[in-house]
N, C-alpha and C. Protein backbone atom coordinates (compact mmCIF):
# COMPACT_ATOMS: atom_id res chain seq x y z
N MET A 1 120.99 111.64 93.03
CA MET A 1 120.83 110.36 93.49
C MET A 1 120.72 109.33 92.37
N ASP A 2 121.37 108.10 92.63
CA ASP A 2 121.36 107.16 91.41
C ASP A 2 120.67 106.04 91.90
N ASN A 3 120.99 104.81 91.10
CA ASN A 3 120.21 103.67 91.38
C ASN A 3 120.53 102.88 92.82
N ASN A 4 121.50 103.51 93.52
CA ASN A 4 121.87 103.07 94.69
C ASN A 4 120.82 103.19 95.89
N TYR A 5 120.22 104.22 95.47
CA TYR A 5 119.07 104.64 96.64
C TYR A 5 117.96 103.56 96.50
N LEU A 6 117.62 103.25 95.23
CA LEU A 6 116.47 102.19 95.12
C LEU A 6 116.80 100.88 95.59
N GLU A 7 118.16 100.51 95.33
CA GLU A 7 118.84 99.16 95.74
C GLU A 7 118.73 99.33 97.24
N SER A 8 119.28 100.43 97.85
CA SER A 8 119.42 100.56 99.38
C SER A 8 117.98 100.32 99.85
N ALA A 9 116.92 101.00 99.34
CA ALA A 9 115.49 100.95 100.02
C ALA A 9 115.14 99.54 99.82
N LYS A 10 115.38 98.90 98.71
CA LYS A 10 114.85 97.61 98.62
C LYS A 10 115.36 96.68 99.69
N LYS A 11 116.81 96.86 99.77
CA LYS A 11 117.50 96.07 100.86
C LYS A 11 116.92 96.33 102.23
N GLN A 12 116.56 97.49 102.58
CA GLN A 12 116.11 97.82 103.83
C GLN A 12 114.61 97.06 104.07
N PHE A 13 113.74 97.14 103.09
CA PHE A 13 112.44 96.58 102.98
C PHE A 13 112.68 95.03 103.13
N GLU A 14 113.60 94.43 102.46
CA GLU A 14 113.84 92.97 102.62
C GLU A 14 114.13 92.71 103.91
N TYR A 15 115.00 93.55 104.64
CA TYR A 15 115.62 93.27 106.01
C TYR A 15 114.29 93.16 106.92
N TYR A 16 113.46 94.23 106.90
CA TYR A 16 112.34 94.25 107.64
C TYR A 16 111.33 93.02 107.56
N LYS A 17 111.08 92.64 106.24
CA LYS A 17 110.24 91.56 105.88
C LYS A 17 110.94 90.24 106.54
N GLN A 18 112.31 90.03 106.53
CA GLN A 18 112.88 89.01 106.97
C GLN A 18 112.71 88.88 108.54
N LEU A 19 112.81 90.10 109.21
CA LEU A 19 112.53 90.14 110.80
C LEU A 19 111.00 89.58 111.07
N GLY A 20 109.99 90.02 110.12
CA GLY A 20 108.87 89.44 110.44
C GLY A 20 108.66 88.01 110.08
N ASP A 21 109.14 87.54 109.01
CA ASP A 21 109.50 86.03 108.71
C ASP A 21 109.99 85.21 109.89
N LYS A 22 111.00 85.83 110.37
CA LYS A 22 111.77 84.99 111.45
C LYS A 22 110.78 84.99 112.78
N THR A 23 110.16 86.22 112.93
CA THR A 23 109.27 86.14 114.04
C THR A 23 108.14 85.18 114.01
N PHE A 24 107.33 84.90 112.83
CA PHE A 24 106.41 84.32 112.57
C PHE A 24 106.77 82.74 112.70
N ALA A 25 107.99 82.37 112.20
CA ALA A 25 108.52 81.00 112.47
C ALA A 25 108.67 80.55 113.96
N GLN A 26 108.45 81.42 114.81
CA GLN A 26 108.79 81.10 116.26
C GLN A 26 107.31 81.12 116.84
N LEU A 27 106.34 81.48 116.10
CA LEU A 27 105.11 81.51 116.80
C LEU A 27 103.89 80.58 116.53
N SER A 28 103.10 80.00 117.40
CA SER A 28 101.91 79.34 116.92
C SER A 28 101.01 80.04 116.45
N GLU A 29 99.96 79.48 115.70
CA GLU A 29 98.77 80.00 115.19
C GLU A 29 97.98 80.95 116.15
N GLU A 30 97.86 80.31 117.29
CA GLU A 30 97.21 81.12 118.42
C GLU A 30 97.90 82.33 118.96
N GLN A 31 99.17 82.39 118.84
CA GLN A 31 100.24 83.48 119.25
C GLN A 31 99.92 84.65 118.39
N LEU A 32 99.78 84.30 117.14
CA LEU A 32 99.58 85.24 116.02
C LEU A 32 98.30 86.23 116.14
N PHE A 33 97.33 85.68 116.81
CA PHE A 33 96.04 86.31 116.98
C PHE A 33 95.76 86.80 118.35
N TRP A 34 96.76 86.69 119.12
CA TRP A 34 96.65 87.16 120.69
C TRP A 34 96.76 88.57 120.67
N GLN A 35 95.73 89.19 121.58
CA GLN A 35 95.74 90.58 121.92
C GLN A 35 95.96 90.81 123.38
N TYR A 36 96.84 91.74 123.85
CA TYR A 36 97.21 92.05 125.04
C TYR A 36 95.83 92.51 125.79
N ASN A 37 94.89 93.35 125.13
CA ASN A 37 93.68 93.61 125.57
C ASN A 37 93.01 94.13 124.27
N PRO A 38 91.53 94.24 124.62
CA PRO A 38 90.72 94.47 123.38
C PRO A 38 91.12 95.84 122.56
N GLU A 39 91.73 96.81 123.31
CA GLU A 39 92.19 97.92 122.37
C GLU A 39 93.71 98.00 121.81
N SER A 40 94.24 96.72 121.99
CA SER A 40 95.60 96.44 121.33
C SER A 40 95.38 95.76 120.08
N ASN A 41 96.40 95.77 119.29
CA ASN A 41 96.45 95.00 117.99
C ASN A 41 97.13 93.73 118.28
N SER A 42 96.71 92.62 117.54
CA SER A 42 97.42 91.36 117.41
C SER A 42 98.34 91.47 116.31
N ILE A 43 99.22 90.55 116.17
CA ILE A 43 100.10 90.37 115.01
C ILE A 43 99.24 90.27 113.69
N ALA A 44 98.23 89.53 113.87
CA ALA A 44 97.33 89.40 112.73
C ALA A 44 96.88 90.58 112.27
N MET A 45 96.47 91.55 113.08
CA MET A 45 95.87 92.79 112.83
C MET A 45 96.86 93.69 112.14
N ILE A 46 98.11 93.64 112.57
CA ILE A 46 99.15 94.47 112.02
C ILE A 46 99.47 93.95 110.71
N ILE A 47 99.51 92.73 110.58
CA ILE A 47 99.95 92.22 109.30
C ILE A 47 98.74 92.61 108.21
N ASN A 48 97.55 92.57 108.69
CA ASN A 48 96.36 92.84 107.78
C ASN A 48 96.46 94.37 107.44
N HIS A 49 96.95 95.28 108.34
CA HIS A 49 97.05 96.65 108.18
C HIS A 49 98.27 96.92 107.03
N LEU A 50 99.32 96.14 107.33
CA LEU A 50 100.42 96.36 106.42
C LEU A 50 100.22 95.97 105.03
N ASN A 51 99.30 94.81 104.94
CA ASN A 51 98.89 94.33 103.66
C ASN A 51 98.06 95.40 102.88
N GLY A 52 97.15 96.06 103.72
CA GLY A 52 96.32 96.99 102.98
C GLY A 52 97.03 98.18 102.58
N ASN A 53 97.94 98.67 103.42
CA ASN A 53 98.75 99.81 103.24
C ASN A 53 99.75 99.67 101.83
N MET A 54 100.43 98.28 101.94
CA MET A 54 101.21 98.24 100.91
C MET A 54 100.56 98.12 99.45
N ARG A 55 99.49 97.30 99.50
CA ARG A 55 98.67 97.29 98.30
C ARG A 55 98.24 98.44 97.88
N SER A 56 97.64 99.39 98.82
CA SER A 56 97.21 100.60 98.41
C SER A 56 98.19 101.65 97.82
N ARG A 57 99.53 101.62 98.62
CA ARG A 57 100.49 102.51 98.20
C ARG A 57 101.19 102.09 96.91
N TRP A 58 101.42 100.89 96.84
CA TRP A 58 102.30 100.39 95.72
C TRP A 58 101.59 99.98 94.53
N THR A 59 100.23 99.82 94.49
CA THR A 59 99.52 99.57 93.16
C THR A 59 99.32 100.76 92.43
N ASP A 60 99.87 100.72 91.07
CA ASP A 60 99.74 101.73 90.26
C ASP A 60 100.43 103.09 90.83
N PHE A 61 101.54 102.74 91.57
CA PHE A 61 102.34 103.78 92.35
C PHE A 61 102.61 105.11 91.57
N LEU A 62 103.01 105.16 90.56
CA LEU A 62 103.34 106.58 89.82
C LEU A 62 102.13 107.24 89.28
N ASN A 63 101.02 106.68 89.22
CA ASN A 63 99.86 107.26 88.44
C ASN A 63 98.49 107.45 89.27
N SER A 64 98.54 106.84 90.40
CA SER A 64 97.17 107.05 91.24
C SER A 64 97.53 107.24 92.65
N ASP A 65 96.71 108.01 93.25
CA ASP A 65 96.90 108.27 94.76
C ASP A 65 97.17 106.89 95.55
N GLY A 66 98.06 107.08 96.50
CA GLY A 66 98.42 105.89 97.26
C GLY A 66 97.31 105.43 98.28
N GLU A 67 96.34 106.26 98.50
CA GLU A 67 95.27 105.76 99.30
C GLU A 67 94.03 105.60 98.24
N LYS A 68 93.89 104.24 97.92
CA LYS A 68 93.03 103.81 97.08
C LYS A 68 91.51 103.82 97.48
N GLU A 69 90.62 104.06 96.60
CA GLU A 69 89.06 104.01 97.05
C GLU A 69 88.80 102.67 97.52
N TRP A 70 89.28 101.61 97.02
CA TRP A 70 88.89 100.17 97.47
C TRP A 70 89.50 99.77 98.78
N ARG A 71 90.41 100.62 99.39
CA ARG A 71 91.07 100.29 100.75
C ARG A 71 89.78 100.52 101.76
N ASN A 72 89.85 99.57 102.84
CA ASN A 72 88.93 99.72 103.79
C ASN A 72 90.13 99.67 105.07
N ARG A 73 90.67 100.79 105.52
CA ARG A 73 91.47 100.85 106.53
C ARG A 73 90.99 100.18 107.86
N ASP A 74 89.83 100.63 108.19
CA ASP A 74 89.25 100.35 109.43
C ASP A 74 89.05 98.83 109.66
N GLU A 75 88.75 98.30 108.53
CA GLU A 75 88.57 96.74 108.59
C GLU A 75 89.92 96.06 108.77
N GLU A 76 91.04 96.77 108.46
CA GLU A 76 92.30 96.14 108.73
C GLU A 76 92.74 95.69 110.14
N PHE A 77 91.98 96.40 110.97
CA PHE A 77 92.07 96.16 112.41
C PHE A 77 91.03 95.27 113.07
N GLU A 78 90.34 94.60 112.25
CA GLU A 78 89.32 93.57 112.75
C GLU A 78 90.05 92.04 112.53
N GLN A 79 89.60 91.13 113.33
CA GLN A 79 90.41 89.76 113.23
C GLN A 79 89.46 89.02 112.30
N LEU A 80 89.70 89.37 110.88
CA LEU A 80 89.02 88.62 109.92
C LEU A 80 89.79 87.33 109.28
N ILE A 81 90.93 87.33 109.47
CA ILE A 81 91.73 86.11 109.16
C ILE A 81 91.71 85.19 110.16
N THR A 82 91.61 83.95 110.18
CA THR A 82 91.61 83.03 111.17
C THR A 82 92.76 81.96 111.16
N THR A 83 93.49 81.71 110.09
CA THR A 83 94.49 80.88 110.23
C THR A 83 95.88 81.31 109.86
N LYS A 84 96.85 80.80 110.22
CA LYS A 84 98.33 81.11 110.13
C LYS A 84 98.61 81.13 108.67
N THR A 85 98.09 80.15 107.90
CA THR A 85 98.37 80.02 106.40
C THR A 85 97.90 81.22 105.80
N ALA A 86 96.58 81.59 105.95
CA ALA A 86 96.05 82.69 105.45
C ALA A 86 96.64 84.04 105.88
N LEU A 87 97.10 84.12 106.95
CA LEU A 87 97.70 85.20 107.45
C LEU A 87 99.04 85.51 106.71
N LEU A 88 99.87 84.46 106.60
CA LEU A 88 101.19 84.60 105.97
C LEU A 88 101.12 84.91 104.47
N ALA A 89 100.05 84.24 103.97
CA ALA A 89 99.60 84.57 102.45
C ALA A 89 99.39 86.11 102.29
N LYS A 90 98.80 86.76 103.17
CA LYS A 90 98.28 88.05 103.33
C LYS A 90 99.66 88.88 103.42
N TRP A 91 100.53 88.43 104.43
CA TRP A 91 101.80 89.20 104.55
C TRP A 91 102.65 89.22 103.33
N ASN A 92 102.74 87.96 102.62
CA ASN A 92 103.53 87.86 101.47
C ASN A 92 102.94 88.47 100.23
N GLU A 93 101.73 88.71 100.18
CA GLU A 93 101.00 89.48 99.12
C GLU A 93 101.36 90.88 99.26
N GLY A 94 101.25 91.37 100.26
CA GLY A 94 101.66 92.82 100.55
C GLY A 94 103.08 93.07 100.05
N TRP A 95 104.06 92.30 100.54
CA TRP A 95 105.46 92.45 100.16
C TRP A 95 105.64 92.36 98.71
N VAL A 96 105.06 91.34 97.98
CA VAL A 96 105.24 91.22 96.61
C VAL A 96 104.71 92.46 95.78
N CYS A 97 103.70 93.05 96.35
CA CYS A 97 103.21 94.25 95.65
C CYS A 97 104.14 95.42 95.85
N LEU A 98 104.78 95.45 97.02
CA LEU A 98 105.95 96.60 97.38
C LEU A 98 107.10 96.24 96.39
N PHE A 99 107.60 95.04 96.52
CA PHE A 99 108.68 94.74 95.67
C PHE A 99 108.56 95.00 94.11
N ASP A 100 107.47 94.51 93.66
CA ASP A 100 107.17 94.77 92.22
C ASP A 100 107.16 96.24 91.95
N GLY A 101 106.55 96.92 92.85
CA GLY A 101 106.56 98.41 92.72
C GLY A 101 107.87 99.05 92.78
N ILE A 102 108.76 98.81 93.53
CA ILE A 102 110.06 99.12 93.66
C ILE A 102 110.89 98.79 92.48
N LYS A 103 110.85 97.31 91.97
CA LYS A 103 111.63 96.96 90.83
C LYS A 103 111.19 97.75 89.62
N ALA A 104 109.92 98.21 89.45
CA ALA A 104 109.52 98.93 88.29
C ALA A 104 110.13 100.46 88.21
N LEU A 105 110.59 100.99 89.45
CA LEU A 105 111.07 102.32 89.32
C LEU A 105 112.63 102.43 88.71
N THR A 106 112.76 103.52 88.22
CA THR A 106 114.02 103.88 87.61
C THR A 106 114.66 105.06 88.48
N THR A 107 115.87 105.45 88.27
CA THR A 107 116.32 106.64 88.82
C THR A 107 115.64 107.96 88.40
N ALA A 108 115.17 107.92 87.13
CA ALA A 108 114.52 109.14 86.57
C ALA A 108 113.11 109.35 87.34
N ASP A 109 112.68 108.32 87.96
CA ASP A 109 111.32 108.40 88.58
C ASP A 109 111.43 108.97 90.01
N LEU A 110 112.65 109.09 90.43
CA LEU A 110 112.92 109.56 91.99
C LEU A 110 112.26 110.88 92.19
N THR A 111 112.35 111.74 91.38
CA THR A 111 111.94 113.23 91.39
C THR A 111 110.56 113.39 90.99
N LYS A 112 109.89 112.44 90.25
CA LYS A 112 108.52 112.49 90.06
C LYS A 112 107.65 112.88 91.28
N THR A 113 106.56 113.25 91.04
CA THR A 113 105.52 113.62 92.08
C THR A 113 104.42 112.52 92.13
N VAL A 114 104.28 112.00 93.43
CA VAL A 114 103.11 110.91 93.47
C VAL A 114 102.29 111.68 94.76
N PHE A 115 101.07 111.19 94.81
CA PHE A 115 100.22 111.59 95.95
C PHE A 115 99.83 110.45 96.81
N ILE A 116 99.80 110.88 98.07
CA ILE A 116 99.10 109.97 99.19
C ILE A 116 98.37 110.61 100.02
N ARG A 117 97.00 110.42 99.88
CA ARG A 117 95.88 111.17 100.48
C ARG A 117 95.92 112.58 100.05
N ASN A 118 96.05 112.66 98.83
CA ASN A 118 95.94 113.88 98.12
C ASN A 118 97.01 114.88 98.44
N GLN A 119 98.27 114.32 99.15
CA GLN A 119 99.27 115.07 99.49
C GLN A 119 100.44 114.96 98.40
N ALA A 120 101.03 115.79 97.80
CA ALA A 120 102.13 115.50 96.85
C ALA A 120 103.49 115.16 97.77
N HIS A 121 104.17 114.15 97.09
CA HIS A 121 105.36 113.61 97.58
C HIS A 121 106.36 113.43 96.37
N SER A 122 107.52 113.59 96.46
CA SER A 122 108.52 113.06 95.32
C SER A 122 108.42 111.56 95.68
N VAL A 123 108.68 110.77 94.69
CA VAL A 123 108.97 109.42 94.89
C VAL A 123 109.89 108.98 95.95
N THR A 124 110.98 109.79 95.95
CA THR A 124 111.93 109.41 97.10
C THR A 124 111.23 109.70 98.47
N GLU A 125 110.60 110.72 98.60
CA GLU A 125 109.87 111.00 99.85
C GLU A 125 108.75 109.87 100.09
N ALA A 126 108.12 109.48 99.22
CA ALA A 126 107.06 108.47 99.25
C ALA A 126 107.68 107.17 99.88
N ILE A 127 108.79 106.75 99.23
CA ILE A 127 109.55 105.53 99.66
C ILE A 127 110.00 105.86 101.05
N ASN A 128 110.54 106.91 101.44
CA ASN A 128 111.08 107.24 102.70
C ASN A 128 110.05 107.03 103.69
N ARG A 129 108.75 107.48 103.15
CA ARG A 129 107.47 107.45 104.31
C ARG A 129 107.24 106.00 104.55
N GLN A 130 107.18 105.28 103.54
CA GLN A 130 106.98 103.78 103.89
C GLN A 130 108.22 102.96 104.54
N LEU A 131 109.30 103.54 104.36
CA LEU A 131 110.55 103.10 105.11
C LEU A 131 110.54 103.45 106.52
N ALA A 132 109.83 104.44 106.93
CA ALA A 132 109.43 104.63 108.33
C ALA A 132 108.31 103.97 108.88
N HIS A 133 107.27 103.76 108.02
CA HIS A 133 106.17 103.11 108.49
C HIS A 133 106.10 101.80 108.69
N TYR A 134 106.69 101.05 107.89
CA TYR A 134 106.76 99.46 107.89
C TYR A 134 107.68 98.99 109.00
N PRO A 135 108.76 99.65 109.12
CA PRO A 135 109.52 99.17 110.31
C PRO A 135 109.03 99.40 111.53
N TYR A 136 108.28 100.48 111.69
CA TYR A 136 107.54 100.73 112.94
C TYR A 136 106.57 99.59 113.37
N HIS A 137 105.91 99.26 112.38
CA HIS A 137 104.88 98.00 112.61
C HIS A 137 105.64 96.65 112.72
N VAL A 138 106.66 96.38 111.93
CA VAL A 138 107.49 95.24 112.19
C VAL A 138 108.15 95.09 113.47
N GLY A 139 108.44 96.24 114.05
CA GLY A 139 108.95 96.36 115.42
C GLY A 139 107.79 95.92 116.50
N GLN A 140 106.63 96.46 116.17
CA GLN A 140 105.42 95.85 117.09
C GLN A 140 105.40 94.50 116.90
N ILE A 141 105.40 93.83 115.74
CA ILE A 141 105.35 92.51 115.52
C ILE A 141 106.34 91.69 116.37
N VAL A 142 107.57 92.20 116.16
CA VAL A 142 108.81 91.44 116.89
C VAL A 142 108.51 91.56 118.42
N PHE A 143 108.05 92.73 118.92
CA PHE A 143 108.00 92.91 120.41
C PHE A 143 106.75 91.88 120.86
N LEU A 144 105.64 91.94 120.11
CA LEU A 144 104.43 90.96 120.52
C LEU A 144 105.00 89.53 120.42
N GLY A 145 105.75 89.20 119.25
CA GLY A 145 106.43 87.89 119.36
C GLY A 145 107.16 87.57 120.32
N LYS A 146 108.12 88.41 120.85
CA LYS A 146 108.73 88.08 121.98
C LYS A 146 108.03 87.91 123.28
N MET A 147 106.97 88.58 123.37
CA MET A 147 106.10 88.48 124.63
C MET A 147 105.32 87.16 124.41
N CYS A 148 104.98 86.72 123.29
CA CYS A 148 104.21 85.42 123.06
C CYS A 148 105.17 84.31 123.29
N ALA A 149 106.41 84.40 122.69
CA ALA A 149 107.21 83.30 122.85
C ALA A 149 107.91 83.08 124.22
N ASP A 150 108.05 84.22 124.87
CA ASP A 150 108.65 84.26 126.26
C ASP A 150 109.91 83.60 126.16
N GLN A 151 110.16 82.69 127.05
CA GLN A 151 111.43 82.08 127.19
C GLN A 151 112.04 81.21 126.11
N ASN A 152 111.00 80.91 125.09
CA ASN A 152 111.46 80.26 123.90
C ASN A 152 111.83 81.15 122.90
N TRP A 153 111.98 82.40 122.97
CA TRP A 153 112.27 83.55 121.89
C TRP A 153 113.55 83.28 121.60
N GLN A 154 114.01 83.05 120.18
CA GLN A 154 115.28 83.10 119.63
C GLN A 154 115.64 84.58 119.12
N SER A 155 116.65 85.28 119.64
CA SER A 155 116.92 86.54 119.06
C SER A 155 117.11 86.62 117.60
N LEU A 156 116.57 87.82 117.17
CA LEU A 156 116.79 87.97 115.83
C LEU A 156 118.04 88.93 115.46
N SER A 157 118.80 89.18 116.43
CA SER A 157 120.00 89.95 116.26
C SER A 157 121.07 89.39 117.28
N ILE A 158 121.82 90.15 117.97
CA ILE A 158 122.77 89.62 118.97
C ILE A 158 122.10 89.37 120.32
N PRO A 159 122.08 88.19 120.73
CA PRO A 159 121.34 87.74 121.96
C PRO A 159 122.05 88.66 123.08
N ARG A 160 121.15 88.89 124.07
CA ARG A 160 121.60 89.59 125.19
C ARG A 160 122.61 88.83 125.93
N GLY A 161 123.61 89.61 126.24
CA GLY A 161 125.01 89.13 126.96
C GLY A 161 125.97 88.53 126.00
N ASP A 162 125.61 88.58 124.73
CA ASP A 162 126.60 87.92 123.60
C ASP A 162 127.35 88.81 122.70
N SER A 163 127.19 90.21 123.13
CA SER A 163 127.97 91.30 122.27
C SER A 163 129.42 90.96 122.16
N ASP A 164 130.20 90.70 123.28
CA ASP A 164 131.43 90.50 123.01
C ASP A 164 131.81 89.18 122.13
N LYS A 165 131.13 88.05 122.23
CA LYS A 165 131.36 86.95 121.42
C LYS A 165 130.96 87.39 119.89
N TYR A 166 129.90 88.14 119.71
CA TYR A 166 129.39 88.51 118.39
C TYR A 166 130.71 89.31 117.76
N ASN A 167 131.13 90.36 118.54
CA ASN A 167 132.14 91.19 118.08
C ASN A 167 133.41 90.67 117.75
N ALA A 168 133.82 89.59 118.58
CA ALA A 168 134.95 88.86 118.34
C ALA A 168 134.87 88.01 117.13
N ASP A 169 133.81 87.26 116.92
CA ASP A 169 133.54 86.53 115.80
C ASP A 169 133.57 87.47 114.46
N MET A 170 133.04 88.60 114.52
CA MET A 170 132.89 89.55 113.51
C MET A 170 134.37 89.94 113.14
N PHE A 171 134.92 90.38 114.06
CA PHE A 171 136.36 90.93 113.82
C PHE A 171 137.33 89.82 113.20
N GLY A 172 137.19 88.57 113.86
CA GLY A 172 138.05 87.47 113.40
C GLY A 172 137.74 87.07 111.99
N LYS A 173 136.43 87.35 111.36
CA LYS A 173 136.40 87.05 110.08
C LYS A 173 136.85 88.03 109.09
N HIS A 174 137.16 89.33 109.61
CA HIS A 174 137.73 90.32 108.74
C HIS A 174 139.17 90.47 108.71
N LYS A 175 139.87 89.54 109.40
CA LYS A 175 141.41 89.55 109.53
C LYS A 175 142.03 88.77 108.48
C-alpha cells in the first residue's frame, strides 16, 4: 500500500465532514437539538459523540490507546452544549484533530500496531474502523436534518427525480 491509501482516506473523511457541514447550514439552532423521543439522539448529541471519539482516537494516535482515560463517553450523549456556535466549534475541533492525525502519518506507519480499547489494530485497520464509524453517524445527522428541514431540505446529492438530468449533465461535461 502506498500514499494513495492515506490520501484516499483523507478524501473520504473530507466528504463526510462536508455532508455534515451542508446539513448544519440548512438547520436552525433549535433543530440541531431536537430529539424524536427521549431515547433518541439529537444532532447535537451525535456531534458531541463524534468529537469525543475523534479526539480520543486521533490524539497521540501512534503511541497511546485510542480510548483515552480523559474521555467520558456517556457524557457525550447528554445535551451539554446549548448553542449552534458552540456545537459547530465542537464539530470542527474533532475534525481538526482527525486531519492533523492523518496528515502526520506516512506509508511506513500503515503496518504499525495501534490499540483501541486495548485491542491491537494495524494503522490501516484503525483508519478503516473510523471510516466505518464516522459515516454511520454522519448518515444519522443527515437523516435527522432531512426530518427537521422537511419540505425545505436541499438535497446533498442527486435530488429525487433528477437522475436523468444529472446523468445528462455529467456525460455532457465529459464529451
